[in-house]
Amino acid sequence: MRRLLWIPFLALSLTAAAATLEQIVDDTLAAPIRDRKFSGVVLVVKDGRPLLRKAYGLADRTLGTPNTPETRFMIMSVSKQFTAALVLRLAARGRLGLRDRVGDYLADWPREWEAVTIHDFLSHSAGIDIDTTYFWLVLHHPEYWPNPTERPPRYEPRALVTPPGTVFVYSNVGYVLLSMIAAKAGGRPFDELMRDEVFCSLGMDHTEPERRGPVAGRARGYRRAADGFELSEQKTIDVVGAGDLVSTVDDLAKWDEALGDDRFLPAALRSAMFTPHVPGRKGGIGYGWFLRTGDNGRPLQSHPGSGAGFRAWNYRLPEDRIDVIVLSNVFDDVAAWMPELLARIETAIERNGG
């Protein structure tokens, strides 16, 4: 009898906790929405169970189409997590080694950079000047140059700025090169490998790269303007593997859930993904993740995305089994409200015994 009485009580407790959490999120987002700094979807998951899944604002302001929890957004640099995952899957299959030299996979790799390894690009610590790396890329692979009517910048050899594996310098082009390495090691085009090895494996049916114009049905990206919003679009051919994916909060939740055990990635490689290989400004740098300790002393794994009128955040609090995923189709460079939102969500769950 006590067992039967406990079940409806538990259901009521969860419903009350979810209602409280929704009110807290609504209150925190009220100012960003009013100030035209946010429009999108928030998903909060605890122990694999959604506590909040809610959309705000418009996906297309011309058509008046509202955002829904199923709306697809560009996730920009959150894409790097999936490139890192593909590289690790290939490593698990013995198709490459994380300490392999980049020059073993890329033709015409400069001798000045011969010490750089796959690990160094994964951890943003290759030690190569970022602009020089990009100039090398578009010289040897002009398909990555987004402005075919203009001449790419001139490439001139330059020595390493710092020893590989020692200093963090965030690099989009490093992940573009990782996409090329993955294709070489895997023996198939990068997009095919990503689809089969990562998205299909995890049931991420609404995630795909954007290549030739906006993916059908995704939200449109906007910037705040003096009298409203202006459409913001950009090509993604120069950020293949670094910032070109379109996804949903539900697909990202599937991804976060897959990182909780060894079924998708073997334990040693999953550990490598979340190891702080070099120090950053606020913590360590893993493979596609920023790693730091939260105010409560527990680990926080995260990565933001930014560009083309979008912002994206993927947060994992692994010890608490909490995921917070926020996708927005309004670009807000500072997004000072985001840390407050995360802190208030975490506090609300703790107070309700989550």
Protein backbone atom coordinates (compact mmCIF):
# COMPACT_ATOMS: atom_id res chain seq x y z
CA MET A 1 0.00 0.00 0.00
CA ARG A 2 2.77 2.43 0.89
CA ARG A 3 4.40 1.70 -2.47
CA LEU A 4 1.19 2.55 -4.32
CA LEU A 5 0.80 5.81 -2.41
CA TRP A 6 4.43 6.77 -3.11
CA ILE A 7 4.15 6.53 -6.91
CA PRO A 8 1.56 9.32 -7.39
CA PHE A 9 3.37 11.42 -4.78
CA LEU A 10 6.59 11.10 -6.79
CA ALA A 11 4.79 12.06 -10.00
CA LEU A 12 3.33 15.14 -8.31
CA SER A 13 6.78 16.09 -6.96
CA LEU A 14 8.32 15.88 -10.41
CA THR A 15 5.49 17.92 -11.90
CA ALA A 16 5.93 20.61 -9.26
CA ALA A 17 9.70 20.67 -9.77
CA ALA A 18 9.28 21.05 -13.52
CA ALA A 19 6.79 23.89 -13.04
CA THR A 20 9.19 25.68 -10.69
CA LEU A 21 12.06 25.23 -13.13
CA GLU A 22 9.96 26.56 -16.01
CA GLN A 23 9.10 29.69 -14.04
CA ILE A 24 12.77 30.26 -13.19
CA VAL A 25 13.83 29.89 -16.83
CA ASP A 26 10.99 32.14 -17.99
CA ASP A 27 11.99 34.80 -15.46
CA THR A 28 15.69 34.63 -16.40
CA LEU A 29 14.99 34.86 -20.12
CA ALA A 30 12.45 37.67 -19.85
CA ALA A 31 15.06 40.44 -20.14
CA PRO A 32 17.07 38.84 -23.02
CA ILE A 33 13.82 38.29 -24.93
CA ARG A 34 12.66 41.85 -24.27
CA ASP A 35 16.05 43.25 -25.30
CA ARG A 36 16.06 41.18 -28.53
CA LYS A 37 18.99 39.03 -27.39
CA PHE A 38 17.34 35.61 -27.33
CA SER A 39 14.86 33.55 -29.30
CA GLY A 40 15.12 29.78 -29.31
CA VAL A 41 14.77 26.57 -27.32
CA VAL A 42 15.88 25.45 -23.84
CA LEU A 43 16.17 21.80 -22.84
CA VAL A 44 17.07 20.68 -19.30
CA VAL A 45 17.65 16.97 -18.73
CA LYS A 46 18.26 15.21 -15.43
CA ASP A 47 19.14 11.50 -15.29
CA GLY A 48 18.05 11.17 -18.93
CA ARG A 49 14.63 12.66 -18.17
CA PRO A 50 13.58 16.03 -19.63
CA LEU A 51 12.62 18.50 -16.89
CA LEU A 52 12.08 21.41 -19.26
CA ARG A 53 11.72 21.50 -23.04
CA LYS A 54 10.42 24.86 -24.16
CA ALA A 55 10.59 27.17 -27.18
CA TYR A 56 10.55 30.96 -27.28
CA GLY A 57 10.16 33.49 -30.08
CA LEU A 58 10.13 33.09 -33.86
CA ALA A 59 12.07 30.79 -36.16
CA ASP A 60 11.28 32.94 -39.20
CA ARG A 61 10.30 36.56 -38.62
CA THR A 62 9.20 37.18 -42.19
CA LEU A 63 6.74 34.28 -42.18
CA GLY A 64 5.89 34.58 -38.49
CA THR A 65 6.86 30.93 -37.89
CA PRO A 66 7.30 30.21 -34.18
CA ASN A 67 10.18 28.26 -32.72
CA THR A 68 9.17 24.84 -31.40
CA PRO A 69 11.13 22.29 -29.33
CA GLU A 70 11.72 20.44 -32.63
CA THR A 71 13.13 23.46 -34.52
CA ARG A 72 16.56 22.98 -36.04
CA PHE A 73 19.29 25.57 -35.45
CA MET A 74 22.83 26.05 -36.61
CA ILE A 75 24.99 25.00 -33.67
CA MET A 76 28.21 26.56 -35.01
CA SER A 77 31.27 25.60 -32.92
CA VAL A 78 29.39 22.98 -30.91
CA SER A 79 30.00 21.06 -34.18
CA LYS A 80 33.59 20.50 -33.06
CA GLN A 81 32.45 17.91 -30.51
CA PHE A 82 31.28 15.67 -33.32
CA THR A 83 34.45 16.02 -35.38
CA ALA A 84 36.40 15.05 -32.27
CA ALA A 85 34.07 12.08 -31.75
CA LEU A 86 34.58 10.88 -35.32
CA VAL A 87 38.36 11.09 -34.94
CA LEU A 88 38.13 9.09 -31.72
CA ARG A 89 35.90 6.47 -33.36
CA LEU A 90 38.50 6.10 -36.13
CA ALA A 91 41.20 5.78 -33.48
CA ALA A 92 39.18 3.02 -31.80
CA ARG A 93 39.12 1.18 -35.14
CA GLY A 94 42.87 1.57 -35.57
CA ARG A 95 42.51 3.81 -38.62
CA LEU A 96 44.62 6.55 -37.04
CA GLY A 97 46.52 7.35 -33.85
CA LEU A 98 45.97 10.49 -31.81
CA ARG A 99 49.73 11.08 -31.69
CA ASP A 100 50.14 10.56 -35.45
CA ARG A 101 51.74 13.48 -37.23
CA VAL A 102 49.43 15.59 -39.36
CA GLY A 103 51.88 15.41 -42.25
CA ASP A 104 51.21 11.66 -42.51
CA TYR A 105 47.69 12.46 -43.74
CA LEU A 106 47.91 15.83 -45.52
CA ALA A 107 49.97 16.22 -48.66
CA ASP A 108 52.30 19.23 -48.96
CA TRP A 109 52.27 19.73 -45.19
CA PRO A 110 55.00 22.31 -44.40
CA ARG A 111 58.20 20.96 -42.91
CA GLU A 112 58.13 23.85 -40.43
CA TRP A 113 55.07 22.18 -38.86
CA GLU A 114 56.14 18.55 -39.05
CA ALA A 115 55.95 18.05 -35.25
CA VAL A 116 52.21 18.84 -35.09
CA THR A 117 49.99 15.85 -34.25
CA ILE A 118 46.29 15.06 -34.44
CA HIS A 119 46.12 15.46 -30.66
CA ASP A 120 47.41 19.02 -30.98
CA PHE A 121 44.58 20.04 -33.30
CA LEU A 122 41.98 18.29 -31.14
CA SER A 123 43.17 20.29 -28.10
CA HIS A 124 43.68 23.61 -29.95
CA SER A 125 47.38 23.52 -29.15
CA ALA A 126 49.09 23.04 -32.52
CA GLY A 127 51.28 26.10 -32.04
CA ILE A 128 50.73 27.32 -35.62
CA ASP A 129 49.76 30.90 -36.40
CA ILE A 130 46.02 30.70 -37.15
CA ASP A 131 46.00 32.98 -40.21
CA THR A 132 49.02 31.24 -41.71
CA THR A 133 47.32 27.85 -41.29
CA TYR A 134 44.23 29.11 -43.08
CA PHE A 135 46.30 30.64 -45.89
CA TRP A 136 47.98 27.25 -46.36
CA LEU A 137 44.60 25.52 -46.43
CA VAL A 138 43.01 27.67 -49.14
CA LEU A 139 46.19 27.61 -51.24
CA HIS A 140 46.26 23.82 -51.39
CA HIS A 141 42.51 23.28 -51.07
CA PRO A 142 40.73 26.23 -52.70
CA GLU A 143 37.36 24.53 -52.28
CA TYR A 144 37.42 25.86 -48.70
CA TRP A 145 37.70 29.49 -49.85
CA PRO A 146 34.17 30.99 -49.50
CA ASN A 147 34.69 33.94 -51.90
CA PRO A 148 35.49 32.52 -55.36
CA THR A 149 35.33 36.00 -56.93
CA GLU A 150 38.22 37.15 -54.72
CA ARG A 151 41.82 36.00 -54.63
CA PRO A 152 42.73 34.12 -51.40
CA PRO A 153 45.43 35.62 -49.15
CA ARG A 154 48.99 34.72 -50.02
CA TYR A 155 50.55 31.87 -48.07
CA GLU A 156 54.12 32.27 -46.86
CA PRO A 157 55.87 29.64 -44.70
CA ARG A 158 56.17 30.53 -41.05
CA ALA A 159 57.72 28.66 -38.15
CA LEU A 160 55.68 27.41 -35.19
CA VAL A 161 54.75 30.12 -32.72
CA THR A 162 54.83 27.79 -29.69
CA PRO A 163 55.81 24.12 -29.21
CA PRO A 164 52.90 21.82 -30.13
CA GLY A 165 50.77 20.64 -27.23
CA THR A 166 51.70 23.46 -24.85
CA VAL A 167 49.60 26.60 -25.45
CA PHE A 168 45.85 26.89 -26.10
CA VAL A 169 44.89 29.03 -29.10
CA TYR A 170 41.35 28.44 -30.34
CA SER A 171 41.42 27.34 -33.97
CA ASN A 172 38.54 26.75 -36.37
CA VAL A 173 40.95 25.85 -39.14
CA GLY A 174 42.50 23.14 -36.97
CA TYR A 175 39.17 21.33 -36.93
CA VAL A 176 38.75 21.81 -40.68
CA LEU A 177 42.07 20.02 -41.07
CA LEU A 178 40.83 17.29 -38.71
CA SER A 179 37.86 16.75 -41.03
CA MET A 180 40.31 16.22 -43.90
CA ILE A 181 42.41 13.84 -41.81
CA ALA A 182 39.30 11.85 -40.86
CA ALA A 183 38.34 11.49 -44.52
CA LYS A 184 41.84 10.32 -45.40
CA ALA A 185 42.02 7.82 -42.55
CA GLY A 186 38.45 6.60 -43.01
CA GLY A 187 38.71 6.26 -46.78
CA ARG A 188 35.41 8.05 -47.40
CA PRO A 189 34.12 11.65 -47.58
CA PHE A 190 33.92 13.35 -44.21
CA ASP A 191 30.15 13.91 -44.33
CA GLU A 192 29.50 10.23 -45.04
CA LEU A 193 31.74 9.14 -42.18
CA MET A 194 30.10 11.58 -39.79
CA ARG A 195 26.64 10.43 -40.79
CA ASP A 196 27.37 6.72 -40.44
CA GLU A 197 29.80 6.71 -37.52
CA VAL A 198 28.18 9.37 -35.34
CA PHE A 199 24.69 10.57 -36.29
CA CYS A 200 23.20 7.22 -37.35
CA SER A 201 24.89 5.43 -34.46
CA LEU A 202 23.23 7.78 -31.98
CA GLY A 203 19.86 8.15 -33.71
CA MET A 204 20.51 11.85 -34.37
CA ASP A 205 18.07 11.98 -37.28
CA HIS A 206 17.78 15.77 -37.38
CA THR A 207 21.48 16.66 -37.47
CA GLU A 208 23.33 17.35 -40.72
CA PRO A 209 25.91 19.71 -42.22
CA GLU A 210 24.87 22.85 -44.05
CA ARG A 211 26.62 23.26 -47.38
CA ARG A 212 24.64 24.90 -50.20
CA GLY A 213 22.35 27.39 -48.52
CA PRO A 214 20.14 26.99 -45.44
CA VAL A 215 18.99 23.48 -44.55
CA ALA A 216 15.27 23.24 -45.29
CA GLY A 217 13.10 24.07 -42.30
CA ARG A 218 15.78 25.32 -39.97
CA ALA A 219 15.40 28.58 -38.07
CA ARG A 220 16.68 31.73 -39.71
CA GLY A 221 19.54 33.50 -37.95
CA TYR A 222 19.20 37.15 -36.86
CA ARG A 223 21.11 40.01 -35.36
CA ARG A 224 19.68 42.69 -33.16
CA ALA A 225 19.09 45.95 -35.08
CA ALA A 226 18.21 49.44 -33.90
CA ASP A 227 14.55 48.99 -34.82
CA GLY A 228 14.17 45.23 -34.62
CA PHE A 229 16.11 42.38 -36.24
CA GLU A 230 18.17 41.90 -39.37
CA LEU A 231 18.74 38.59 -41.12
CA SER A 232 22.25 37.21 -40.72
CA GLU A 233 23.50 34.48 -43.06
CA GLN A 234 26.96 33.24 -43.92
CA LYS A 235 28.57 30.40 -45.85
CA THR A 236 30.00 27.52 -43.88
CA ILE A 237 32.37 25.98 -46.44
CA ASP A 238 35.37 27.41 -44.58
CA VAL A 239 34.30 25.82 -41.25
CA VAL A 240 33.67 22.23 -42.35
CA GLY A 241 34.04 20.11 -39.23
CA ALA A 242 34.36 23.24 -37.11
CA GLY A 243 31.01 25.02 -37.23
CA ASP A 244 28.76 23.77 -40.02
CA LEU A 245 26.15 21.55 -38.34
CA VAL A 246 22.42 22.03 -37.97
CA SER A 247 20.76 20.18 -35.08
CA THR A 248 18.02 20.15 -32.44
CA VAL A 249 18.04 20.15 -28.65
CA ASP A 250 16.74 16.57 -28.66
CA ASP A 251 19.56 15.32 -30.88
CA LEU A 252 22.12 17.08 -28.69
CA ALA A 253 20.57 15.41 -25.65
CA LYS A 254 21.08 12.03 -27.33
CA TRP A 255 24.72 12.96 -27.87
CA ASP A 256 25.22 13.99 -24.25
CA GLU A 257 23.57 10.79 -23.04
CA ALA A 258 25.90 8.68 -25.22
CA LEU A 259 28.89 10.10 -23.37
CA GLY A 260 27.73 8.64 -20.07
CA ASP A 261 29.06 5.13 -20.72
CA ASP A 262 31.38 3.15 -23.00
CA ARG A 263 28.97 2.03 -25.70
CA PHE A 264 29.70 4.84 -28.17
CA LEU A 265 33.32 5.55 -27.22
CA PRO A 266 35.64 3.16 -25.36
CA ALA A 267 36.46 4.28 -21.84
CA ALA A 268 40.06 5.31 -22.61
CA LEU A 269 39.05 7.49 -25.57
CA ARG A 270 36.08 8.98 -23.75
CA SER A 271 38.46 9.82 -20.91
CA ALA A 272 40.81 11.48 -23.41
CA MET A 273 37.93 13.62 -24.69
CA PHE A 274 37.34 14.97 -21.17
CA THR A 275 40.96 15.25 -20.04
CA PRO A 276 42.30 18.84 -19.64
CA HIS A 277 45.25 18.56 -22.03
CA VAL A 278 46.25 22.25 -21.93
CA PRO A 279 45.11 25.12 -19.71
CA GLY A 280 42.66 27.72 -20.97
CA ARG A 281 41.44 30.96 -19.43
CA LYS A 282 38.86 29.33 -17.16
CA GLY A 283 39.93 25.71 -17.02
CA GLY A 284 41.30 22.92 -19.17
CA ILE A 285 40.84 22.10 -22.84
CA GLY A 286 39.65 18.64 -23.84
CA TYR A 287 38.74 17.35 -27.28
CA GLY A 288 35.81 19.53 -28.35
CA TRP A 289 35.01 20.50 -24.75
CA PHE A 290 35.97 23.22 -22.29
CA LEU A 291 36.49 21.75 -18.82
CA ARG A 292 36.27 23.61 -15.54
CA THR A 293 35.08 23.30 -11.98
CA GLY A 294 31.76 24.96 -11.19
CA ASP A 295 31.03 27.17 -8.22
CA ASN A 296 29.80 24.10 -6.35
CA GLY A 297 33.14 22.36 -6.82
CA ARG A 298 31.83 19.82 -9.31
CA PRO A 299 33.03 19.39 -12.92
CA LEU A 300 31.39 21.30 -15.77
CA GLN A 301 31.86 20.26 -19.40
CA SER A 302 30.70 22.75 -22.02
CA HIS A 303 31.12 24.32 -25.43
CA PRO A 304 29.44 27.35 -26.99
CA GLY A 305 28.74 28.10 -30.63
CA SER A 306 28.44 31.51 -32.25
CA GLY A 307 27.90 32.95 -35.72
CA ALA A 308 25.52 33.39 -38.69
CA GLY A 309 22.85 34.86 -36.39
CA PHE A 310 22.95 31.93 -33.95
CA ARG A 311 24.18 31.10 -30.47
CA ALA A 312 24.39 27.60 -29.03
CA TRP A 313 25.42 26.15 -25.67
CA ASN A 314 25.87 22.55 -24.61
CA TYR A 315 26.51 22.03 -20.89
CA ARG A 316 27.09 18.73 -19.10
CA LEU A 317 27.34 18.39 -15.32
CA PRO A 318 28.37 14.73 -15.31
CA GLU A 319 28.37 14.09 -11.56
CA ASP A 320 24.82 15.44 -11.28
CA ARG A 321 23.72 13.90 -14.60
CA ILE A 322 22.35 17.25 -15.72
CA ASP A 323 22.42 18.51 -19.31
CA VAL A 324 21.46 22.05 -20.24
CA ILE A 325 21.15 22.76 -23.97
CA VAL A 326 20.24 26.21 -25.26
CA LEU A 327 19.88 27.05 -28.96
CA SER A 328 19.14 30.59 -30.11
CA ASN A 329 18.54 32.14 -33.52
CA VAL A 330 19.48 35.62 -32.33
CA PHE A 331 23.17 36.45 -32.17
CA ASP A 332 24.20 37.99 -28.86
CA ASP A 333 27.95 38.36 -28.69
CA VAL A 334 28.24 38.76 -24.93
CA ALA A 335 25.20 36.76 -23.73
CA ALA A 336 25.85 37.83 -20.13
CA TRP A 337 22.55 36.21 -19.15
CA MET A 338 23.71 32.68 -19.97
CA PRO A 339 25.85 32.02 -16.83
CA GLU A 340 22.96 33.25 -14.68
CA LEU A 341 20.55 30.94 -16.48
CA LEU A 342 22.80 27.93 -15.94
CA ALA A 343 23.36 28.76 -12.26
CA ARG A 344 19.65 29.23 -11.57
CA ILE A 345 18.76 25.98 -13.31
CA GLU A 346 21.34 24.06 -11.29
CA THR A 347 20.21 25.62 -8.02
CA ALA A 348 16.54 24.91 -8.77
CA ILE A 349 17.25 21.24 -9.43
CA GLU A 350 19.31 20.93 -6.25
CA ARG A 351 16.60 22.54 -4.13
CA ASN A 352 14.01 20.15 -5.47
CA GLY A 353 16.15 17.16 -4.62
CA GLY A 354 17.16 16.40 -8.21
